[in-house]
Amino acid sequence: TMMVFMSVGLSIPVPHQDQHQYSRGVD
């Protein structure tokens, strides 16, 4: 069961207002 959890690799989507902030940080 734990291996299935690990293989799914669920991630929390970035809030819409933070998307621009994140991309500018990568730049």
PDB file of all heavy atoms in Angstrom:
ATOM      1  N   THR A   1       0.835  -1.203   0.000  1.00  0.00           N
ATOM      2  CA  THR A   1       0.000   0.000   0.000  1.00  0.00           C
ATOM      3  C   THR A   1       0.869   1.252   0.000  1.00  0.00           C
ATOM      4  O   THR A   1       0.619   2.209  -0.727  1.00  0.00           O
ATOM      5  CB  THR A   1      -0.920   0.001   1.233  1.00  0.00           C
ATOM      6  OG1 THR A   1      -1.667  -1.195   1.248  1.00  0.00           O
ATOM      7  CG2 THR A   1      -1.854   1.202   1.204  1.00  0.00           C
ATOM      8  N   MET A   2       1.933   1.245   0.818  1.00  0.00           N
ATOM      9  CA  MET A   2       2.826   2.401   0.881  1.00  0.00           C
ATOM     10  C   MET A   2       3.517   2.613  -0.458  1.00  0.00           C
ATOM     11  O   MET A   2       3.719   3.746  -0.902  1.00  0.00           O
ATOM     12  CB  MET A   2       3.869   2.199   1.981  1.00  0.00           C
ATOM     13  CG  MET A   2       3.279   2.206   3.394  1.00  0.00           C
ATOM     14  SD  MET A   2       4.510   1.819   4.656  1.00  0.00           S
ATOM     15  CE  MET A   2       5.643   3.178   4.403  1.00  0.00           C
ATOM     16  N   MET A   3       3.883   1.515  -1.139  1.00  0.00           N
ATOM     17  CA  MET A   3       4.536   1.639  -2.448  1.00  0.00           C
ATOM     18  C   MET A   3       3.592   2.282  -3.457  1.00  0.00           C
ATOM     19  O   MET A   3       4.008   3.079  -4.307  1.00  0.00           O
ATOM     20  CB  MET A   3       5.006   0.274  -2.939  1.00  0.00           C
ATOM     21  CG  MET A   3       6.159  -0.305  -2.131  1.00  0.00           C
ATOM     22  SD  MET A   3       6.618  -1.963  -2.689  1.00  0.00           S
ATOM     23  CE  MET A   3       7.132  -1.606  -4.361  1.00  0.00           C
ATOM     24  N   VAL A   4       2.297   1.927  -3.357  1.00  0.00           N
ATOM     25  CA  VAL A   4       1.336   2.553  -4.254  1.00  0.00           C
ATOM     26  C   VAL A   4       1.255   4.042  -3.976  1.00  0.00           C
ATOM     27  O   VAL A   4       1.233   4.870  -4.882  1.00  0.00           O
ATOM     28  CB  VAL A   4      -0.047   1.886  -4.115  1.00  0.00           C
ATOM     29  CG1 VAL A   4      -1.084   2.641  -4.933  1.00  0.00           C
ATOM     30  CG2 VAL A   4       0.028   0.447  -4.572  1.00  0.00           C
ATOM     31  N   PHE A   5       1.242   4.405  -2.674  1.00  0.00           N
ATOM     32  CA  PHE A   5       1.243   5.819  -2.321  1.00  0.00           C
ATOM     33  C   PHE A   5       2.442   6.527  -2.948  1.00  0.00           C
ATOM     34  O   PHE A   5       2.332   7.606  -3.521  1.00  0.00           O
ATOM     35  CB  PHE A   5       1.321   5.986  -0.796  1.00  0.00           C
ATOM     36  CG  PHE A   5      -0.027   6.119  -0.146  1.00  0.00           C
ATOM     37  CD1 PHE A   5      -0.472   5.166   0.766  1.00  0.00           C
ATOM     38  CD2 PHE A   5      -0.846   7.200  -0.445  1.00  0.00           C
ATOM     39  CE1 PHE A   5      -1.706   5.296   1.366  1.00  0.00           C
ATOM     40  CE2 PHE A   5      -2.078   7.335   0.169  1.00  0.00           C
ATOM     41  CZ  PHE A   5      -2.514   6.376   1.080  1.00  0.00           C
ATOM     42  N   MET A   6       3.604   5.896  -2.845  1.00  0.00           N
ATOM     43  CA  MET A   6       4.825   6.504  -3.362  1.00  0.00           C
ATOM     44  C   MET A   6       4.787   6.599  -4.865  1.00  0.00           C
ATOM     45  O   MET A   6       5.248   7.574  -5.462  1.00  0.00           O
ATOM     46  CB  MET A   6       6.045   5.706  -2.907  1.00  0.00           C
ATOM     47  CG  MET A   6       6.268   5.730  -1.392  1.00  0.00           C
ATOM     48  SD  MET A   6       7.537   4.560  -0.861  1.00  0.00           S
ATOM     49  CE  MET A   6       8.960   5.192  -1.737  1.00  0.00           C
ATOM     50  N   SER A   7       4.217   5.583  -5.533  1.00  0.00           N
ATOM     51  CA  SER A   7       4.217   5.600  -6.994  1.00  0.00           C
ATOM     52  C   SER A   7       3.252   6.623  -7.547  1.00  0.00           C
ATOM     53  O   SER A   7       3.447   7.154  -8.625  1.00  0.00           O
ATOM     54  CB  SER A   7       3.849   4.208  -7.529  1.00  0.00           C
ATOM     55  OG  SER A   7       2.516   3.889  -7.193  1.00  0.00           O
ATOM     56  N   VAL A   8       2.172   6.914  -6.783  1.00  0.00           N
ATOM     57  CA  VAL A   8       1.229   7.920  -7.265  1.00  0.00           C
ATOM     58  C   VAL A   8       1.889   9.282  -7.293  1.00  0.00           C
ATOM     59  O   VAL A   8       1.729  10.051  -8.237  1.00  0.00           O
ATOM     60  CB  VAL A   8      -0.025   7.931  -6.357  1.00  0.00           C
ATOM     61  CG1 VAL A   8      -0.945   9.072  -6.740  1.00  0.00           C
ATOM     62  CG2 VAL A   8      -0.753   6.601  -6.482  1.00  0.00           C
ATOM     63  N   GLY A   9       2.658   9.606  -6.242  1.00  0.00           N
ATOM     64  CA  GLY A   9       3.372  10.872  -6.219  1.00  0.00           C
ATOM     65  C   GLY A   9       2.440  12.058  -6.326  1.00  0.00           C
ATOM     66  O   GLY A   9       2.632  12.951  -7.127  1.00  0.00           O
ATOM     67  N   LEU A  10       1.371  12.078  -5.520  1.00  0.00           N
ATOM     68  CA  LEU A  10       0.389  13.154  -5.586  1.00  0.00           C
ATOM     69  C   LEU A  10       1.054  14.475  -5.234  1.00  0.00           C
ATOM     70  O   LEU A  10       1.923  14.547  -4.379  1.00  0.00           O
ATOM     71  CB  LEU A  10      -0.757  12.880  -4.617  1.00  0.00           C
ATOM     72  CG  LEU A  10      -1.514  11.566  -4.842  1.00  0.00           C
ATOM     73  CD1 LEU A  10      -2.637  11.445  -3.842  1.00  0.00           C
ATOM     74  CD2 LEU A  10      -2.056  11.508  -6.260  1.00  0.00           C
ATOM     75  N   SER A  11       0.627  15.555  -5.883  1.00  0.00           N
ATOM     76  CA  SER A  11       1.158  16.880  -5.601  1.00  0.00           C
ATOM     77  C   SER A  11       0.021  17.863  -5.490  1.00  0.00           C
ATOM     78  O   SER A  11      -1.008  17.712  -6.122  1.00  0.00           O
ATOM     79  CB  SER A  11       2.127  17.331  -6.696  1.00  0.00           C
ATOM     80  OG  SER A  11       1.460  17.364  -7.934  1.00  0.00           O
ATOM     81  N   ILE A  12       0.232  18.869  -4.673  1.00  0.00           N
ATOM     82  CA  ILE A  12      -0.798  19.875  -4.456  1.00  0.00           C
ATOM     83  C   ILE A  12      -0.646  20.950  -5.513  1.00  0.00           C
ATOM     84  O   ILE A  12       0.436  21.511  -5.687  1.00  0.00           O
ATOM     85  CB  ILE A  12      -0.658  20.490  -3.059  1.00  0.00           C
ATOM     86  CG1 ILE A  12      -0.765  19.384  -2.010  1.00  0.00           C
ATOM     87  CG2 ILE A  12      -1.701  21.565  -2.814  1.00  0.00           C
ATOM     88  CD1 ILE A  12      -0.468  19.854  -0.603  1.00  0.00           C
ATOM     89  N   PRO A  13      -1.682  21.278  -6.248  1.00  0.00           N
ATOM     90  CA  PRO A  13      -1.554  22.309  -7.271  1.00  0.00           C
ATOM     91  C   PRO A  13      -1.232  23.669  -6.659  1.00  0.00           C
ATOM     92  O   PRO A  13      -1.692  23.989  -5.578  1.00  0.00           O
ATOM     93  CB  PRO A  13      -2.936  22.322  -7.942  1.00  0.00           C
ATOM     94  CG  PRO A  13      -3.855  21.683  -6.960  1.00  0.00           C
ATOM     95  CD  PRO A  13      -3.039  20.714  -6.176  1.00  0.00           C
ATOM     96  N   VAL A  14      -0.396  24.452  -7.369  1.00  0.00           N
ATOM     97  CA  VAL A  14      -0.044  25.786  -6.900  1.00  0.00           C
ATOM     98  C   VAL A  14      -1.254  26.695  -7.023  1.00  0.00           C
ATOM     99  O   VAL A  14      -1.918  26.700  -8.052  1.00  0.00           O
ATOM    100  CB  VAL A  14       1.113  26.356  -7.756  1.00  0.00           C
ATOM    101  CG1 VAL A  14       1.431  27.776  -7.325  1.00  0.00           C
ATOM    102  CG2 VAL A  14       2.341  25.478  -7.604  1.00  0.00           C
ATOM    103  N   PRO A  15      -1.611  27.467  -5.989  1.00  0.00           N
ATOM    104  CA  PRO A  15      -2.724  28.406  -6.113  1.00  0.00           C
ATOM    105  C   PRO A  15      -2.504  29.341  -7.290  1.00  0.00           C
ATOM    106  O   PRO A  15      -1.374  29.715  -7.590  1.00  0.00           O
ATOM    107  CB  PRO A  15      -2.690  29.164  -4.772  1.00  0.00           C
ATOM    108  CG  PRO A  15      -1.990  28.255  -3.828  1.00  0.00           C
ATOM    109  CD  PRO A  15      -0.997  27.484  -4.650  1.00  0.00           C
ATOM    110  N   HIS A  16      -3.594  29.725  -7.941  1.00  0.00           N
ATOM    111  CA  HIS A  16      -3.494  30.520  -9.163  1.00  0.00           C
ATOM    112  C   HIS A  16      -2.703  31.806  -8.953  1.00  0.00           C
ATOM    113  O   HIS A  16      -1.903  32.203  -9.786  1.00  0.00           O
ATOM    114  CB  HIS A  16      -4.888  30.847  -9.687  1.00  0.00           C
ATOM    115  CG  HIS A  16      -4.886  31.678 -10.933  1.00  0.00           C
ATOM    116  ND1 HIS A  16      -4.497  31.176 -12.149  1.00  0.00           N
ATOM    117  CD2 HIS A  16      -5.183  32.989 -11.136  1.00  0.00           C
ATOM    118  CE1 HIS A  16      -4.573  32.128 -13.058  1.00  0.00           C
ATOM    119  NE2 HIS A  16      -4.982  33.235 -12.470  1.00  0.00           N
ATOM    120  N   GLN A  17      -2.908  32.463  -7.787  1.00  0.00           N
ATOM    121  CA  GLN A  17      -2.238  33.727  -7.574  1.00  0.00           C
ATOM    122  C   GLN A  17      -0.740  33.554  -7.381  1.00  0.00           C
ATOM    123  O   GLN A  17       0.009  34.517  -7.455  1.00  0.00           O
ATOM    124  CB  GLN A  17      -2.831  34.460  -6.352  1.00  0.00           C
ATOM    125  CG  GLN A  17      -2.643  33.731  -5.025  1.00  0.00           C
ATOM    126  CD  GLN A  17      -3.800  32.796  -4.731  1.00  0.00           C
ATOM    127  OE1 GLN A  17      -4.519  32.373  -5.637  1.00  0.00           O
ATOM    128  NE2 GLN A  17      -4.006  32.481  -3.462  1.00  0.00           N
ATOM    129  N   ASP A  18      -0.243  32.315  -7.130  1.00  0.00           N
ATOM    130  CA  ASP A  18       1.180  32.084  -6.916  1.00  0.00           C
ATOM    131  C   ASP A  18       1.899  31.622  -8.179  1.00  0.00           C
ATOM    132  O   ASP A  18       3.127  31.524  -8.180  1.00  0.00           O
ATOM    133  CB  ASP A  18       1.387  31.033  -5.821  1.00  0.00           C
ATOM    134  CG  ASP A  18       0.877  31.498  -4.475  1.00  0.00           C
ATOM    135  OD1 ASP A  18       0.790  32.712  -4.261  1.00  0.00           O
ATOM    136  OD2 ASP A  18       0.575  30.621  -3.660  1.00  0.00           O
ATOM    137  N   GLN A  19       1.177  31.300  -9.241  1.00  0.00           N
ATOM    138  CA  GLN A  19       1.811  30.740 -10.436  1.00  0.00           C
ATOM    139  C   GLN A  19       2.792  31.727 -11.063  1.00  0.00           C
ATOM    140  O   GLN A  19       3.918  31.372 -11.422  1.00  0.00           O
ATOM    141  CB  GLN A  19       0.737  30.338 -11.444  1.00  0.00           C
ATOM    142  CG  GLN A  19      -0.147  29.194 -10.968  1.00  0.00           C
ATOM    143  CD  GLN A  19      -1.280  28.910 -11.932  1.00  0.00           C
ATOM    144  OE1 GLN A  19      -1.455  29.611 -12.931  1.00  0.00           O
ATOM    145  NE2 GLN A  19      -2.069  27.900 -11.641  1.00  0.00           N
ATOM    146  N   HIS A  20       2.356  32.964 -11.198  1.00  0.00           N
ATOM    147  CA  HIS A  20       3.235  33.977 -11.783  1.00  0.00           C
ATOM    148  C   HIS A  20       4.460  34.186 -10.901  1.00  0.00           C
ATOM    149  O   HIS A  20       5.588  34.284 -11.388  1.00  0.00           O
ATOM    150  CB  HIS A  20       2.466  35.288 -11.948  1.00  0.00           C
ATOM    151  CG  HIS A  20       3.318  36.443 -12.338  1.00  0.00           C
ATOM    152  ND1 HIS A  20       4.067  36.455 -13.489  1.00  0.00           N
ATOM    153  CD2 HIS A  20       3.545  37.635 -11.731  1.00  0.00           C
ATOM    154  CE1 HIS A  20       4.714  37.599 -13.574  1.00  0.00           C
ATOM    155  NE2 HIS A  20       4.425  38.329 -12.513  1.00  0.00           N
ATOM    156  N   GLN A  21       4.253  34.232  -9.591  1.00  0.00           N
ATOM    157  CA  GLN A  21       5.350  34.413  -8.649  1.00  0.00           C
ATOM    158  C   GLN A  21       6.382  33.302  -8.793  1.00  0.00           C
ATOM    159  O   GLN A  21       7.599  33.552  -8.793  1.00  0.00           O
ATOM    160  CB  GLN A  21       4.761  34.425  -7.242  1.00  0.00           C
ATOM    161  CG  GLN A  21       5.612  35.069  -6.173  1.00  0.00           C
ATOM    162  CD  GLN A  21       4.843  35.177  -4.881  1.00  0.00           C
ATOM    163  OE1 GLN A  21       4.344  34.168  -4.368  1.00  0.00           O
ATOM    164  NE2 GLN A  21       4.715  36.364  -4.349  1.00  0.00           N
ATOM    165  N   TYR A  22       5.912  32.079  -8.937  1.00  0.00           N
ATOM    166  CA  TYR A  22       6.813  30.927  -9.060  1.00  0.00           C
ATOM    167  C   TYR A  22       7.642  31.014 -10.345  1.00  0.00           C
ATOM    168  O   TYR A  22       8.857  30.827 -10.342  1.00  0.00           O
ATOM    169  CB  TYR A  22       5.994  29.643  -9.030  1.00  0.00           C
ATOM    170  CG  TYR A  22       6.833  28.394  -8.802  1.00  0.00           C
ATOM    171  CD1 TYR A  22       6.928  27.823  -7.547  1.00  0.00           C
ATOM    172  CD2 TYR A  22       7.517  27.792  -9.854  1.00  0.00           C
ATOM    173  CE1 TYR A  22       7.694  26.679  -7.334  1.00  0.00           C
ATOM    174  CE2 TYR A  22       8.277  26.658  -9.645  1.00  0.00           C
ATOM    175  CZ  TYR A  22       8.367  26.104  -8.391  1.00  0.00           C
ATOM    176  OH  TYR A  22       9.120  24.992  -8.204  1.00  0.00           O
ATOM    177  N   SER A  23       6.966  31.308 -11.461  1.00  0.00           N
ATOM    178  CA  SER A  23       7.677  31.349 -12.742  1.00  0.00           C
ATOM    179  C   SER A  23       8.695  32.475 -12.774  1.00  0.00           C
ATOM    180  O   SER A  23       9.785  32.325 -13.332  1.00  0.00           O
ATOM    181  CB  SER A  23       6.681  31.500 -13.891  1.00  0.00           C
ATOM    182  OG  SER A  23       5.931  32.684 -13.750  1.00  0.00           O
ATOM    183  N   ARG A  24       8.373  33.618 -12.152  1.00  0.00           N
ATOM    184  CA  ARG A  24       9.338  34.714 -12.113  1.00  0.00           C
ATOM    185  C   ARG A  24      10.529  34.339 -11.228  1.00  0.00           C
ATOM    186  O   ARG A  24      11.662  34.731 -11.508  1.00  0.00           O
ATOM    187  CB  ARG A  24       8.668  35.977 -11.580  1.00  0.00           C
ATOM    188  CG  ARG A  24       7.410  36.389 -12.307  1.00  0.00           C
ATOM    189  CD  ARG A  24       7.640  36.752 -13.747  1.00  0.00           C
ATOM    190  NE  ARG A  24       8.088  38.114 -13.892  1.00  0.00           N
ATOM    191  CZ  ARG A  24       8.292  38.689 -15.074  1.00  0.00           C
ATOM    192  NH1 ARG A  24       8.093  38.003 -16.173  1.00  0.00           N
ATOM    193  NH2 ARG A  24       8.711  39.931 -15.154  1.00  0.00           N
ATOM    194  N   GLY A  25      10.267  33.575 -10.172  1.00  0.00           N
ATOM    195  CA  GLY A  25      11.369  33.118  -9.340  1.00  0.00           C
ATOM    196  C   GLY A  25      12.314  32.201 -10.090  1.00  0.00           C
ATOM    197  O   GLY A  25      13.539  32.284  -9.940  1.00  0.00           O
ATOM    198  N   VAL A  26      11.767  31.328 -10.937  1.00  0.00           N
ATOM    199  CA  VAL A  26      12.602  30.443 -11.750  1.00  0.00           C
ATOM    200  C   VAL A  26      13.430  31.266 -12.730  1.00  0.00           C
ATOM    201  O   VAL A  26      14.619  30.992 -12.950  1.00  0.00           O
ATOM    202  CB  VAL A  26      11.724  29.417 -12.491  1.00  0.00           C
ATOM    203  CG1 VAL A  26      12.551  28.624 -13.496  1.00  0.00           C
ATOM    204  CG2 VAL A  26      11.066  28.472 -11.497  1.00  0.00           C
ATOM    205  N   ASP A  27      12.833  32.289 -13.329  1.00  0.00           N
ATOM    206  CA  ASP A  27      13.590  33.176 -14.208  1.00  0.00           C
ATOM    207  C   ASP A  27      14.753  33.824 -13.465  1.00  0.00           C
ATOM    208  O   ASP A  27      15.867  33.938 -13.989  1.00  0.00           O
ATOM    209  CB  ASP A  27      12.672  34.277 -14.764  1.00  0.00           C
ATOM    210  CG  ASP A  27      11.920  33.823 -15.992  1.00  0.00           C
ATOM    211  OD1 ASP A  27      12.268  32.763 -16.537  1.00  0.00           O
ATOM    212  OD2 ASP A  27      10.981  34.522 -16.404  1.00  0.00           O
TER     213      ASP A  27
END
